[in-house]
C-alpha atoms as a PDB file:
ATOM      1  CA  MET A   1       0.882  -7.082  27.778  1.00  0.00           C
ATOM      2  CA  PHE A   2       4.647  -8.889  28.268  1.00  0.00           C
ATOM      3  CA  ALA A   3       4.757  -8.372  31.838  1.00  0.00           C
ATOM      4  CA  GLY A   4       1.282  -9.770  32.252  1.00  0.00           C
ATOM      5  CA  SER A   5       2.141 -13.129  29.440  1.00  0.00           C
ATOM      6  CA  ALA A   6       5.636 -13.640  31.182  1.00  0.00           C
ATOM      7  CA  ALA A   7       3.967 -13.103  34.575  1.00  0.00           C
ATOM      8  CA  VAL A   8       1.346 -16.082  33.481  1.00  0.00           C
ATOM      9  CA  VAL A   9       4.224 -18.635  32.454  1.00  0.00           C
ATOM     10  CA  ASP A  10       6.036 -17.411  35.763  1.00  0.00           C
ATOM     11  CA  GLU A  11       3.700 -17.829  37.810  1.00  0.00           C
ATOM     12  CA  TRP A  12       2.309 -21.085  36.483  1.00  0.00           C
ATOM     13  CA  THR A  13       5.157 -23.212  35.373  1.00  0.00           C
ATOM     14  CA  ASP A  14       8.503 -24.097  36.201  1.00  0.00           C
ATOM     15  CA  VAL A  15      10.040 -21.358  34.110  1.00  0.00           C
ATOM     16  CA  PRO A  16      11.580 -18.027  35.542  1.00  0.00           C
ATOM     17  CA  PHE A  17       9.671 -14.592  34.610  1.00  0.00           C
ATOM     18  CA  LEU A  18      13.208 -13.742  32.694  1.00  0.00           C
ATOM     19  CA  PRO A  19      13.550 -16.380  29.936  1.00  0.00           C
ATOM     20  CA  ALA A  20       9.987 -16.168  29.374  1.00  0.00           C
ATOM     21  CA  ILE A  21       9.978 -13.231  27.876  1.00  0.00           C
ATOM     22  CA  PRO A  22      11.555 -14.720  24.368  1.00  0.00           C
ATOM     23  CA  GLY A  23       8.205 -16.524  24.320  1.00  0.00           C
ATOM     24  CA  VAL A  24       6.776 -13.704  25.167  1.00  0.00           C
ATOM     25  CA  VAL A  25       8.291 -11.871  22.263  1.00  0.00           C
ATOM     26  CA  VAL A  26       7.341 -14.480  19.272  1.00  0.00           C
ATOM     27  CA  ALA A  27       3.792 -14.198  21.255  1.00  0.00           C
ATOM     28  CA  TRP A  28       3.738 -10.656  20.492  1.00  0.00           C
ATOM     29  CA  ILE A  29       4.266 -11.159  16.527  1.00  0.00           C
ATOM     30  CA  VAL A  30       1.681 -14.096  16.333  1.00  0.00           C
ATOM     31  CA  SER A  31      -0.863 -11.661  17.935  1.00  0.00           C
ATOM     32  CA  VAL A  32       0.047  -8.859  15.249  1.00  0.00           C
ATOM     33  CA  ALA A  33      -0.236 -11.255  13.067  1.00  0.00           C
ATOM     34  CA  ILE A  34      -2.602 -12.556  13.829  1.00  0.00           C
ATOM     35  CA  HIS A  35      -4.283  -9.219  13.822  1.00  0.00           C
ATOM     36  CA  GLU A  36      -3.912  -8.294  10.533  1.00  0.00           C
ATOM     37  CA  ALA A  37      -4.566 -11.570   8.601  1.00  0.00           C
ATOM     38  CA  GLY A  38      -8.387 -10.925   9.803  1.00  0.00           C
ATOM     39  CA  HIS A  39      -8.136  -7.382   7.974  1.00  0.00           C
ATOM     40  CA  PHE A  40      -6.507  -8.557   5.211  1.00  0.00           C
ATOM     41  CA  ILE A  41      -9.382 -11.649   5.275  1.00  0.00           C
ATOM     42  CA  VAL A  42     -12.061  -9.516   5.975  1.00  0.00           C
ATOM     43  CA  ALA A  43     -11.294  -6.410   3.321  1.00  0.00           C
ATOM     44  CA  ARG A  44     -11.400  -9.024   0.559  1.00  0.00           C
ATOM     45  CA  ARG A  45     -14.730 -10.523   1.794  1.00  0.00           C
ATOM     46  CA  SER A  46     -15.914  -7.190   1.606  1.00  0.00           C
ATOM     47  CA  GLY A  47     -14.966  -6.670  -1.843  1.00  0.00           C
ATOM     48  CA  MET A  48     -12.004  -4.060  -0.858  1.00  0.00           C
ATOM     49  CA  THR A  49      -8.301  -5.375  -3.103  1.00  0.00           C
ATOM     50  CA  PRO A  50      -5.731  -5.237  -0.036  1.00  0.00           C
ATOM     51  CA  TYR A  51      -2.179  -4.157  -2.008  1.00  0.00           C
ATOM     52  CA  CYS A  52      -0.187  -3.447   1.396  1.00  0.00           C
ATOM     53  CA  VAL A  53       0.321  -5.810   4.442  1.00  0.00           C
ATOM     54  CA  ALA A  54       2.970  -4.999   6.764  1.00  0.00           C
ATOM     55  CA  VAL A  55       3.591  -7.705  10.120  1.00  0.00           C
ATOM     56  CA  ILE A  56       6.344  -5.779  12.358  1.00  0.00           C
ATOM     57  CA  GLY A  57       9.364  -5.961  10.117  1.00  0.00           C
ATOM     58  CA  LEU A  58       7.645  -7.856   7.052  1.00  0.00           C
ATOM     59  CA  TYR A  59       6.547  -5.894   4.160  1.00  0.00           C
ATOM     60  CA  ALA A  60       4.171  -7.502   1.256  1.00  0.00           C
ATOM     61  CA  TRP A  61       2.914  -5.412  -1.910  1.00  0.00           C
ATOM     62  CA  ALA A  62       0.925  -6.072  -4.628  1.00  0.00           C
ATOM     63  CA  SER A  63       2.754  -5.182  -7.764  1.00  0.00           C
ATOM     64  CA  SER A  64       2.089  -5.508 -11.253  1.00  0.00           C
ATOM     65  CA  ASP A  65       3.770  -9.135 -11.466  1.00  0.00           C
ATOM     66  CA  GLY A  66       2.350 -10.091  -8.101  1.00  0.00           C
ATOM     67  CA  TRP A  67       2.813  -9.971  -4.539  1.00  0.00           C
ATOM     68  CA  ARG A  68       6.368  -9.184  -3.716  1.00  0.00           C
ATOM     69  CA  VAL A  69       7.711  -9.406  -0.174  1.00  0.00           C
ATOM     70  CA  ARG A  70      10.733  -7.480   1.516  1.00  0.00           C
ATOM     71  CA  PHE A  71      12.547  -6.599   5.480  1.00  0.00           C
ATOM     72  CA  THR A  72      11.807  -3.099   6.348  1.00  0.00           C
ATOM     73  CA  ARG A  73      11.751  -0.764   9.197  1.00  0.00           C
ATOM     74  CA  LEU A  74       8.319   0.287  10.662  1.00  0.00           C
ATOM     75  CA  PRO A  75       7.828   2.554  13.338  1.00  0.00           C
ATOM     76  CA  ALA A  76       8.712   2.054  17.311  1.00  0.00           C
ATOM     77  CA  SER A  77       4.997   2.687  17.300  1.00  0.00           C
ATOM     78  CA  VAL A  78       3.575   0.567  14.591  1.00  0.00           C
ATOM     79  CA  GLY A  79       3.521  -3.240  15.079  1.00  0.00           C
ATOM     80  CA  GLY A  80       1.647  -3.908  11.639  1.00  0.00           C
ATOM     81  CA  PHE A  81      -1.276  -2.253   8.984  1.00  0.00           C
ATOM     82  CA  VAL A  82      -2.605  -3.956   5.705  1.00  0.00           C
ATOM     83  CA  ILE A  83      -4.197  -1.035   3.347  1.00  0.00           C
ATOM     84  CA  SER A  84      -6.625  -1.959   0.593  1.00  0.00           C
ATOM     85  CA  HIS A  85      -8.443  -0.217  -1.947  1.00  0.00           C
ATOM     86  CA  PHE A  86     -11.732   0.199  -2.269  1.00  0.00           C
ATOM     87  CA  ASP A  87     -14.497  -1.481  -4.673  1.00  0.00           C
ATOM     88  CA  ALA A  88     -16.147   1.436  -6.313  1.00  0.00           C
ATOM     89  CA  ASP A  89     -19.863  -0.331  -6.668  1.00  0.00           C
ATOM     90  CA  ARG A  90     -20.272  -0.374  -3.102  1.00  0.00           C
ATOM     91  CA  SER A  91     -20.807   1.766   0.063  1.00  0.00           C
ATOM     92  CA  PHE A  92     -17.240   2.465   1.094  1.00  0.00           C
ATOM     93  CA  ARG A  93     -18.343   2.487   4.487  1.00  0.00           C
ATOM     94  CA  GLN A  94     -20.182  -1.101   4.572  1.00  0.00           C
ATOM     95  CA  GLN A  95     -16.595  -1.942   2.666  1.00  0.00           C
ATOM     96  CA  MET A  96     -14.498  -0.125   6.452  1.00  0.00           C
ATOM     97  CA  LEU A  97     -16.665  -0.884   9.426  1.00  0.00           C
ATOM     98  CA  PRO A  98     -16.531  -5.027   8.668  1.00  0.00           C
ATOM     99  CA  MET A  99     -12.481  -4.182   7.776  1.00  0.00           C
ATOM    100  CA  LEU A 100     -11.736  -2.126  10.864  1.00  0.00           C
ATOM    101  CA  VAL A 101     -13.384  -4.430  13.488  1.00  0.00           C
ATOM    102  CA  ALA A 102     -11.896  -7.667  11.622  1.00  0.00           C
ATOM    103  CA  GLY A 103      -8.468  -7.120  13.001  1.00  0.00           C
ATOM    104  CA  SER A 104      -9.416  -6.874  16.969  1.00  0.00           C
ATOM    105  CA  GLY A 105     -12.395  -9.483  16.530  1.00  0.00           C
ATOM    106  CA  ALA A 106      -9.467 -11.672  15.182  1.00  0.00           C
ATOM    107  CA  ASN A 107      -7.396 -11.448  18.406  1.00  0.00           C
ATOM    108  CA  LEU A 108     -10.396 -11.639  20.357  1.00  0.00           C
ATOM    109  CA  LEU A 109     -11.288 -15.137  19.079  1.00  0.00           C
ATOM    110  CA  MET A 110      -7.851 -16.484  18.772  1.00  0.00           C
ATOM    111  CA  GLY A 111      -7.489 -15.401  22.084  1.00  0.00           C
ATOM    112  CA  LEU A 112     -10.613 -17.569  23.571  1.00  0.00           C
ATOM    113  CA  LEU A 113      -9.396 -20.524  21.376  1.00  0.00           C
ATOM    114  CA  LEU A 114      -6.083 -20.511  22.964  1.00  0.00           C
ATOM    115  CA  GLY A 115      -7.404 -19.738  26.327  1.00  0.00           C
ATOM    116  CA  ALA A 116      -9.413 -22.899  26.034  1.00  0.00           C
ATOM    117  CA  ILE A 117      -6.906 -25.330  24.832  1.00  0.00           C
ATOM    118  CA  GLY A 118      -4.497 -24.109  27.564  1.00  0.00           C
ATOM    119  CA  ALA A 119      -7.339 -24.263  30.115  1.00  0.00           C
ATOM    120  CA  TRP A 120      -7.739 -28.540  28.686  1.00  0.00           C
ATOM    121  CA  PHE A 121      -4.089 -28.962  29.065  1.00  0.00           C
ATOM    122  CA  TRP A 122      -4.010 -26.825  32.688  1.00  0.00           C
ATOM    123  CA  PRO A 123      -1.850 -26.894  34.641  1.00  0.00           C
ATOM    124  CA  SER A 124       1.082 -28.130  32.449  1.00  0.00           C
ATOM    125  CA  SER A 125       3.794 -25.596  31.017  1.00  0.00           C
ATOM    126  CA  GLY A 126       2.387 -26.253  27.346  1.00  0.00           C
ATOM    127  CA  GLY A 127      -1.275 -25.071  29.153  1.00  0.00           C
ATOM    128  CA  ALA A 128       0.097 -22.225  30.550  1.00  0.00           C
ATOM    129  CA  TYR A 129       2.080 -20.911  27.656  1.00  0.00           C
ATOM    130  CA  LEU A 130      -1.105 -21.480  25.353  1.00  0.00           C
ATOM    131  CA  CYS A 131      -2.854 -18.973  27.886  1.00  0.00           C
ATOM    132  CA  ALA A 132      -0.252 -16.287  28.069  1.00  0.00           C
ATOM    133  CA  LEU A 133      -0.692 -15.980  23.980  1.00  0.00           C
ATOM    134  CA  ALA A 134      -4.011 -16.139  24.416  1.00  0.00           C
ATOM    135  CA  PHE A 135      -3.859 -13.194  27.013  1.00  0.00           C
ATOM    136  CA  PHE A 136      -1.623 -11.442  25.100  1.00  0.00           C
ATOM    137  CA  SER A 137      -3.958 -12.084  21.831  1.00  0.00           C
ATOM    138  CA  ALA A 138      -6.907 -10.325  23.591  1.00  0.00           C
ATOM    139  CA  CYS A 139      -4.727  -7.436  24.720  1.00  0.00           C
ATOM    140  CA  VAL A 140      -3.788  -6.824  21.270  1.00  0.00           C
ATOM    141  CA  GLY A 141      -7.664  -6.576  20.253  1.00  0.00           C
ATOM    142  CA  VAL A 142      -8.588  -4.733  22.898  1.00  0.00           C
ATOM    143  CA  ALA A 143      -5.535  -1.976  22.611  1.00  0.00           C
ATOM    144  CA  ASN A 144      -6.099  -1.368  18.849  1.00  0.00           C
ATOM    145  CA  LEU A 145     -10.380  -0.644  19.510  1.00  0.00           C
ATOM    146  CA  ILE A 146      -9.389   2.489  22.302  1.00  0.00           C
ATOM    147  CA  PRO A 147      -8.853   5.435  20.089  1.00  0.00           C
ATOM    148  CA  VAL A 148      -5.264   6.416  19.646  1.00  0.00           C
ATOM    149  CA  ARG A 149      -3.292   8.774  16.912  1.00  0.00           C
ATOM    150  CA  ASN A 150       0.298   9.021  17.023  1.00  0.00           C
ATOM    151  CA  LYS A 151       2.444  10.909  14.693  1.00  0.00           C
ATOM    152  CA  PHE A 152       2.325   7.312  11.763  1.00  0.00           C
ATOM    153  CA  LEU A 153      -1.076   6.088  12.098  1.00  0.00           C
ATOM    154  CA  ASP A 154      -4.840   5.994  13.806  1.00  0.00           C
ATOM    155  CA  ASN A 155      -5.108   2.956  15.014  1.00  0.00           C
ATOM    156  CA  ASP A 156      -8.821   1.032  14.516  1.00  0.00           C
ATOM    157  CA  GLY A 157     -10.924   2.421  17.154  1.00  0.00           C
ATOM    158  CA  LEU A 158      -9.750   5.737  15.724  1.00  0.00           C
ATOM    159  CA  LEU A 159     -10.665   5.034  12.861  1.00  0.00           C
ATOM    160  CA  LEU A 160     -14.196   3.190  13.046  1.00  0.00           C
ATOM    161  CA  LEU A 161     -15.095   6.218  16.002  1.00  0.00           C
ATOM    162  CA  HIS A 162     -14.597   8.182  12.509  1.00  0.00           C
ATOM    163  CA  TRP A 163     -16.277   6.099   9.935  1.00  0.00           C
ATOM    164  CA  LEU A 164     -19.253   5.930  13.078  1.00  0.00           C
ATOM    165  CA  ARG A 165     -20.131   9.365  13.720  1.00  0.00           C
ATOM    166  CA  GLY A 166     -19.847  11.280  10.065  1.00  0.00           C
ATOM    167  CA  ASP A 167     -19.523  11.069   6.437  1.00  0.00           C
ATOM    168  CA  CYS A 168     -16.751  10.011   5.660  1.00  0.00           C
ATOM    169  CA  GLU A 169     -17.210   8.277   2.417  1.00  0.00           C
ATOM    170  CA  HIS A 170     -17.879  11.668   0.726  1.00  0.00           C
ATOM    171  CA  ALA A 171     -15.348  13.620   2.641  1.00  0.00           C
ATOM    172  CA  PRO A 172     -12.291  15.260   0.602  1.00  0.00           C
ATOM    173  CA  ALA A 173      -9.758  13.556   2.494  1.00  0.00           C
ATOM    174  CA  MET A 174     -11.651  10.353   0.607  1.00  0.00           C
ATOM    175  CA  LEU A 175     -11.016  12.103  -3.039  1.00  0.00           C
ATOM    176  CA  MET A 176      -7.672   9.476  -3.248  1.00  0.00           C
ATOM    177  CA  HIS A 177      -9.451   6.808  -2.713  1.00  0.00           C
ATOM    178  CA  ARG A 178     -12.668   6.969  -4.737  1.00  0.00           C
ATOM    179  CA  LEU A 179      -9.772   7.553  -7.847  1.00  0.00           C
ATOM    180  CA  ASN A 180      -8.048   4.860  -7.270  1.00  0.00           C
ATOM    181  CA  ALA A 181     -10.795   2.276  -6.658  1.00  0.00           C
ATOM    182  CA  LEU A 182     -12.523   3.779 -10.658  1.00  0.00           C
ATOM    183  CA  SER A 183      -8.416   2.505 -11.610  1.00  0.00           C
ATOM    184  CA  ILE A 184      -8.510  -1.038  -9.208  1.00  0.00           C
ATOM    185  CA  LYS A 185     -12.590  -0.827 -11.632  1.00  0.00           C
ATOM    186  CA  GLY A 186     -10.463  -0.803 -14.942  1.00  0.00           C
ATOM    187  CA  ILE A 187     -10.985   2.798 -15.727  1.00  0.00           C
ATOM    188  CA  THR A 188      -8.207   4.970 -16.763  1.00  0.00           C
ATOM    189  CA  ALA A 189      -7.215   8.568 -16.019  1.00  0.00           C
ATOM    190  CA  GLU A 190      -8.511  10.508 -18.590  1.00  0.00           C
ATOM    191  CA  ASN A 191     -11.885   9.251 -17.780  1.00  0.00           C
ATOM    192  CA  TYR A 192     -12.287  10.405 -13.963  1.00  0.00           C
ATOM    193  CA  PRO A 193     -14.210  13.167 -12.893  1.00  0.00           C
ATOM    194  CA  THR A 194     -12.364  16.681 -13.469  1.00  0.00           C
ATOM    195  CA  GLU A 195     -13.453  17.828 -10.318  1.00  0.00           C
ATOM    196  CA  TRP A 196     -12.547  14.792  -8.472  1.00  0.00           C
ATOM    197  CA  ILE A 197      -8.767  15.281  -9.813  1.00  0.00           C
ATOM    198  CA  GLU A 198      -8.976  18.903  -9.240  1.00  0.00           C
ATOM    199  CA  GLY A 199      -9.925  18.803  -5.402  1.00  0.00           C
ATOM    200  CA  LEU A 200      -6.610  16.795  -4.380  1.00  0.00           C
ATOM    201  CA  ARG A 201      -5.824  20.677  -4.374  1.00  0.00           C
ATOM    202  CA  ASP A 202      -7.402  21.007  -1.535  1.00  0.00           C
ATOM    203  CA  THR A 203      -6.823  17.547   0.469  1.00  0.00           C
ATOM    204  CA  PRO A 204      -4.295  18.568   3.405  1.00  0.00           C
ATOM    205  CA  VAL A 205      -0.671  17.507   2.719  1.00  0.00           C
ATOM    206  CA  LEU A 206      -0.201  15.252  -0.013  1.00  0.00           C
ATOM    207  CA  GLY A 207      -3.062  16.289  -2.382  1.00  0.00           C
ATOM    208  CA  PRO A 208      -1.557  18.579  -4.270  1.00  0.00           C
ATOM    209  CA  ALA A 209       1.635  16.664  -4.806  1.00  0.00           C
ATOM    210  CA  VAL A 210      -0.137  13.372  -5.872  1.00  0.00           C
ATOM    211  CA  ARG A 211      -2.990  15.355  -8.012  1.00  0.00           C
ATOM    212  CA  HIS A 212      -0.745  15.509 -10.837  1.00  0.00           C
ATOM    213  CA  TRP A 213      -0.266  11.672 -10.789  1.00  0.00           C
ATOM    214  CA  PHE A 214      -3.665  11.631 -12.406  1.00  0.00           C
ATOM    215  CA  ARG A 215      -3.456  14.833 -14.748  1.00  0.00           C
ATOM    216  CA  LEU A 216      -0.284  13.284 -16.126  1.00  0.00           C
ATOM    217  CA  CYS A 217      -1.340   9.711 -16.591  1.00  0.00           C
ATOM    218  CA  ALA A 218      -4.506  11.196 -18.403  1.00  0.00           C
ATOM    219  CA  ARG A 219      -2.632  12.829 -20.361  1.00  0.00           C
ATOM    220  CA  GLN A 220      -0.397   9.979 -21.207  1.00  0.00           C
ATOM    221  CA  ASN A 221      -3.425   8.179 -22.653  1.00  0.00           C
ATOM    222  CA  THR A 222      -4.517  10.700 -24.684  1.00  0.00           C
ATOM    223  CA  GLY A 223      -1.391  11.270 -26.376  1.00  0.00           C
ATOM    224  CA  ALA A 224      -1.014  15.061 -25.418  1.00  0.00           C
ATOM    225  CA  TRP A 225       2.411  14.383 -23.908  1.00  0.00           C
ATOM    226  CA  SER A 226       3.612  17.763 -24.942  1.00  0.00           C
ATOM    227  CA  ASP A 227       1.760  18.628 -21.958  1.00  0.00           C
ATOM    228  CA  ILE A 228       3.447  16.858 -19.457  1.00  0.00           C
ATOM    229  CA  ALA A 229       6.742  18.862 -18.942  1.00  0.00           C
ATOM    230  CA  GLU A 230       4.734  21.931 -17.411  1.00  0.00           C
ATOM    231  CA  ILE A 231       2.523  19.329 -15.235  1.00  0.00           C
ATOM    232  CA  GLY A 232       6.212  18.117 -13.944  1.00  0.00           C
ATOM    233  CA  GLN A 233       7.139  21.894 -13.530  1.00  0.00           C
ATOM    234  CA  GLU A 234       4.114  22.469 -11.364  1.00  0.00           C
ATOM    235  CA  PHE A 235       4.776  18.710  -9.866  1.00  0.00           C
ATOM    236  CA  GLU A 236       8.091  19.237  -8.450  1.00  0.00           C
ATOM    237  CA  ALA A 237       6.832  23.234  -6.654  1.00  0.00           C
ATOM    238  CA  ASP A 238       4.404  21.160  -4.855  1.00  0.00           C
ATOM    239  CA  VAL A 239       6.925  18.745  -3.177  1.00  0.00           C
ATOM    240  CA  GLN A 240       9.110  21.295  -2.172  1.00  0.00           C
ATOM    241  CA  ALA A 241       6.135  22.942  -0.729  1.00  0.00           C
ATOM    242  CA  LEU A 242       5.913  19.408   1.324  1.00  0.00           C
ATOM    243  CA  PRO A 243       7.120  19.298   5.125  1.00  0.00           C
ATOM    244  CA  PRO A 244      10.291  16.809   5.191  1.00  0.00           C
ATOM    245  CA  ALA A 245       8.475  14.156   6.920  1.00  0.00           C
ATOM    246  CA  ALA A 246       5.741  13.959   4.027  1.00  0.00           C
ATOM    247  CA  ALA A 247       8.513  13.995   1.322  1.00  0.00           C
ATOM    248  CA  LYS A 248      10.657  11.135   2.173  1.00  0.00           C
ATOM    249  CA  ALA A 249       7.202   9.504   2.609  1.00  0.00           C
ATOM    250  CA  LEU A 250       6.210   9.709  -0.745  1.00  0.00           C
ATOM    251  CA  SER A 251      10.238   9.687  -2.154  1.00  0.00           C
ATOM    252  CA  VAL A 252       9.549   6.619  -3.882  1.00  0.00           C
ATOM    253  CA  PHE A 253       6.348   8.113  -6.063  1.00  0.00           C
ATOM    254  CA  ILE A 254       8.476  11.154  -6.019  1.00  0.00           C
ATOM    255  CA  GLN A 255      10.751   9.232  -8.264  1.00  0.00           C
ATOM    256  CA  GLN A 256       8.002   7.678 -10.578  1.00  0.00           C
ATOM    257  CA  MET A 257       6.356  11.193 -10.982  1.00  0.00           C
ATOM    258  CA  ARG A 258      10.238  12.340 -12.358  1.00  0.00           C
ATOM    259  CA  THR A 259      10.562   8.800 -14.144  1.00  0.00           C
ATOM    260  CA  GLU A 260       7.621   9.646 -16.458  1.00  0.00           C
ATOM    261  CA  VAL A 261       8.187  13.470 -16.568  1.00  0.00           C
ATOM    262  CA  VAL A 262      11.332  12.218 -17.966  1.00  0.00           C
ATOM    263  CA  PHE A 263       9.731   9.541 -20.368  1.00  0.00           C
ATOM    264  CA  SER A 264       7.145  11.595 -21.751  1.00  0.00           C
ATOM    265  CA  GLU A 265       9.099  14.782 -22.826  1.00  0.00           C
ATOM    266  CA  ALA A 266      11.141  11.878 -24.575  1.00  0.00           C
ATOM    267  CA  MET A 267       7.932  10.641 -26.338  1.00  0.00           C
ATOM    268  CA  ALA A 268       7.028  14.465 -27.227  1.00  0.00           C
ATOM    269  CA  SER A 269      10.784  15.410 -28.262  1.00  0.00           C
ATOM    270  CA  GLU A 270      11.313  11.718 -29.753  1.00  0.00           C
ATOM    271  CA  HIS A 271      14.632  12.223 -28.495  1.00  0.00           C
ATOM    272  CA  ASP A 272      16.948  11.473 -25.148  1.00  0.00           C
ATOM    273  CA  ASP A 273      18.371  13.857 -23.583  1.00  0.00           C
ATOM    274  CA  GLY A 274      20.195  11.602 -21.206  1.00  0.00           C
ATOM    275  CA  GLY A 275      18.868   7.992 -20.003  1.00  0.00           C
ATOM    276  CA  ILE A 276      15.114   7.962 -19.332  1.00  0.00           C
ATOM    277  CA  CYS A 277      16.011   4.953 -16.687  1.00  0.00           C
ATOM    278  CA  ARG A 278      17.774   7.726 -14.482  1.00  0.00           C
ATOM    279  CA  HIS A 279      15.820   7.934 -11.697  1.00  0.00           C
ATOM    280  CA  ILE A 280      14.842   4.631 -11.391  1.00  0.00           C
ATOM    281  CA  ASP A 281      16.797   3.356  -8.768  1.00  0.00           C
ATOM    282  CA  ALA A 282      16.089  -0.234  -6.410  1.00  0.00           C
ATOM    283  CA  LEU A 283      13.335   0.509  -4.681  1.00  0.00           C
ATOM    284  CA  LEU A 284      11.341   2.260  -7.177  1.00  0.00           C
ATOM    285  CA  ASP A 285      12.035  -1.862  -9.597  1.00  0.00           C
ATOM    286  CA  TRP A 286      11.001  -3.339  -6.355  1.00  0.00           C
ATOM    287  CA  TYR A 287       7.667  -1.213  -6.313  1.00  0.00           C
ATOM    288  CA  PHE A 288       7.189  -0.866  -9.900  1.00  0.00           C
ATOM    289  CA  PRO A 289       9.079  -3.673 -11.997  1.00  0.00           C
ATOM    290  CA  ALA A 290       6.929  -2.835 -14.930  1.00  0.00           C
ATOM    291  CA  LEU A 291       8.372   0.603 -15.250  1.00  0.00           C
ATOM    292  CA  ARG A 292      11.934   0.436 -16.452  1.00  0.00           C
ATOM    293  CA  PRO A 293      12.035  -2.098 -19.091  1.00  0.00           C
ATOM    294  CA  ARG A 294       8.939  -0.165 -20.441  1.00  0.00           C
ATOM    295  CA  CYS A 295      11.650   3.141 -19.970  1.00  0.00           C
ATOM    296  CA  GLN A 296      14.407   0.916 -22.001  1.00  0.00           C
ATOM    297  CA  ALA A 297      11.857  -0.156 -25.162  1.00  0.00           C
ATOM    298  CA  LEU A 298      11.441   4.044 -25.400  1.00  0.00           C
ATOM    299  CA  GLU A 299      15.543   4.315 -25.354  1.00  0.00           C
ATOM    300  CA  ALA A 300      15.957   1.547 -28.016  1.00  0.00           C
ATOM    301  CA  ALA A 301      12.890   3.040 -30.171  1.00  0.00           C
ATOM    302  CA  LEU A 302      14.760   6.157 -30.035  1.00  0.00           C
ATOM    303  CA  ARG A 303      17.806   5.139 -31.638  1.00  0.00           C
ATOM    304  CA  GLY A 304      16.234   3.154 -33.846  1.00  0.00           C
ATOM    305  CA  ASP A 305      16.304  -0.855 -32.277  1.00  0.00           C
ATOM    306  CA  ARG A 306      13.481  -2.561 -33.041  1.00  0.00           C
ATOM    307  CA  VAL A 307      14.707  -6.267 -31.789  1.00  0.00           C
ATOM    308  CA  ALA A 308      15.643  -4.681 -28.791  1.00  0.00           C
ATOM    309  CA  MET A 309      12.644  -2.718 -28.300  1.00  0.00           C
ATOM    310  CA  ARG A 310      10.480  -5.235 -28.695  1.00  0.00           C
ATOM    311  CA  GLY A 311      12.665  -7.438 -26.144  1.00  0.00           C
ATOM    312  CA  PHE A 312      11.654  -4.915 -23.142  1.00  0.00           C
ATOM    313  CA  LEU A 313       8.550  -4.240 -24.273  1.00  0.00           C
ATOM    314  CA  GLY A 314       7.611  -7.869 -23.954  1.00  0.00           C
ATOM    315  CA  GLU A 315       9.042  -7.627 -20.562  1.00  0.00           C
ATOM    316  CA  SER A 316       7.345  -5.044 -19.556  1.00  0.00           C
ATOM    317  CA  GLU A 317       3.794  -6.304 -20.570  1.00  0.00           C
ATOM    318  CA  LYS A 318       5.082  -9.880 -18.418  1.00  0.00           C
ATOM    319  CA  LYS A 319       5.478  -8.475 -15.939  1.00  0.00           C
ATOM    320  CA  MET A 320       1.788  -6.597 -15.631  1.00  0.00           C
ATOM    321  CA  ARG A 321      -0.011  -8.950 -16.180  1.00  0.00           C
ATOM    322  CA  LYS A 322      -0.732 -10.021 -11.931  1.00  0.00           C
ATOM    323  CA  THR A 323      -1.634  -6.437 -11.051  1.00  0.00           C
ATOM    324  CA  HIS A 324      -4.598  -6.392  -9.234  1.00  0.00           C
ATOM    325  CA  ASP A 325      -5.160  -2.382 -10.750  1.00  0.00           C
ATOM    326  CA  LEU A 326      -7.032  -3.133 -14.040  1.00  0.00           C
ATOM    327  CA  GLY A 327      -6.546   0.711 -15.608  1.00  0.00           C
ATOM    328  CA  TYR A 328      -2.982   0.372 -14.629  1.00  0.00           C
ATOM    329  CA  LYS A 329      -2.571  -2.125 -16.538  1.00  0.00           C
ATOM    330  CA  LYS A 330      -4.883  -0.993 -19.355  1.00  0.00           C
ATOM    331  CA  SER A 331      -2.739   2.550 -19.060  1.00  0.00           C
ATOM    332  CA  GLU A 332       0.574   0.581 -19.601  1.00  0.00           C
ATOM    333  CA  GLU A 333      -1.239  -1.083 -22.593  1.00  0.00           C
ATOM    334  CA  ILE A 334      -2.084   2.006 -23.917  1.00  0.00           C
ATOM    335  CA  ILE A 335       2.004   3.834 -23.367  1.00  0.00           C
ATOM    336  CA  ARG A 336       3.249  -0.125 -24.948  1.00  0.00           C
ATOM    337  CA  GLY A 337       1.227   0.705 -28.592  1.00  0.00           C
ATOM    338  CA  SER A 338       2.787   4.448 -28.230  1.00  0.00           C
ATOM    339  CA  ILE A 339       6.093   3.300 -28.353  1.00  0.00           C
ATOM    340  CA  MET A 340       5.937   0.905 -30.590  1.00  0.00           C
ATOM    341  CA  ALA A 341       4.217   4.171 -33.146  1.00  0.00           C
ATOM    342  CA  ALA A 342       7.612   6.187 -32.074  1.00  0.00           C
ATOM    343  CA  ALA A 343       9.507   3.385 -33.673  1.00  0.00           C
ATOM    344  CA  LYS A 344      12.161   5.162 -36.095  1.00  0.00           C
END
């Protein structure tokens, strides 16, 4: 694609092949952005809730206090992606199929539009560049419809093939998506079907470790703080069984779980054994900005500092206002109430 686009510019303008390449790199970035924008827009129109968007090195995350953006390094074989939560009240298949097609559809539509504009201005340099961009965008669209599996992500074509062929909606691998959809709807973990949570035990690789998150949240919401130490031990055993690559991919989640276990143990014992925030680093702060002030509120409550506790609780509540996850928001409200009740 790079060579083809640069060749178009080289053939029909006075710009040599090599100097044309930087422009083609820009065309690649624009094409990936168009592709992911197509996924994002149609996901929202289909009822889904997009919460993670990546384009080249730009990474946007729907955190509890709104969209946050940072630069990160993506695998070389991944240009970008959009990850969304499903609407629990609608067919997952009817949401997924339009979203999968939309990325390539946006590229092909943009290719036709830019090609038509480029042809209008042909054979000027501007027209040639627009035709090169049209060619590249169309290639990105077609390439993503060819089913390919790599070590990081299945591409749109392969996912589309799976969803067209079978009943992916009720496959075991979809259990986590079904649980997350309930949370987006505003249902809290203690009300989730137990068989769904326990079914994660049989989900390959990530399921056994992630299962403990929903168990932990259910105990927190019902005030069963003393049960969480055992959940933490089981979680650590499952983390040890993860392949190194999976453990690395879950590193933020692992730190979050460890923080919640320490927090819950402090709630159960009404004692701070050495810093409830000790597992919170800058990256966890970035993803979950309401977590640190909530933990700091408990530290203040346990040492009898009600003024500081209220300040931290207010900060945590403020950082939860923009979250798309209504179940998470309700759970945080319950936990803040528990901290107030635990204040000495």
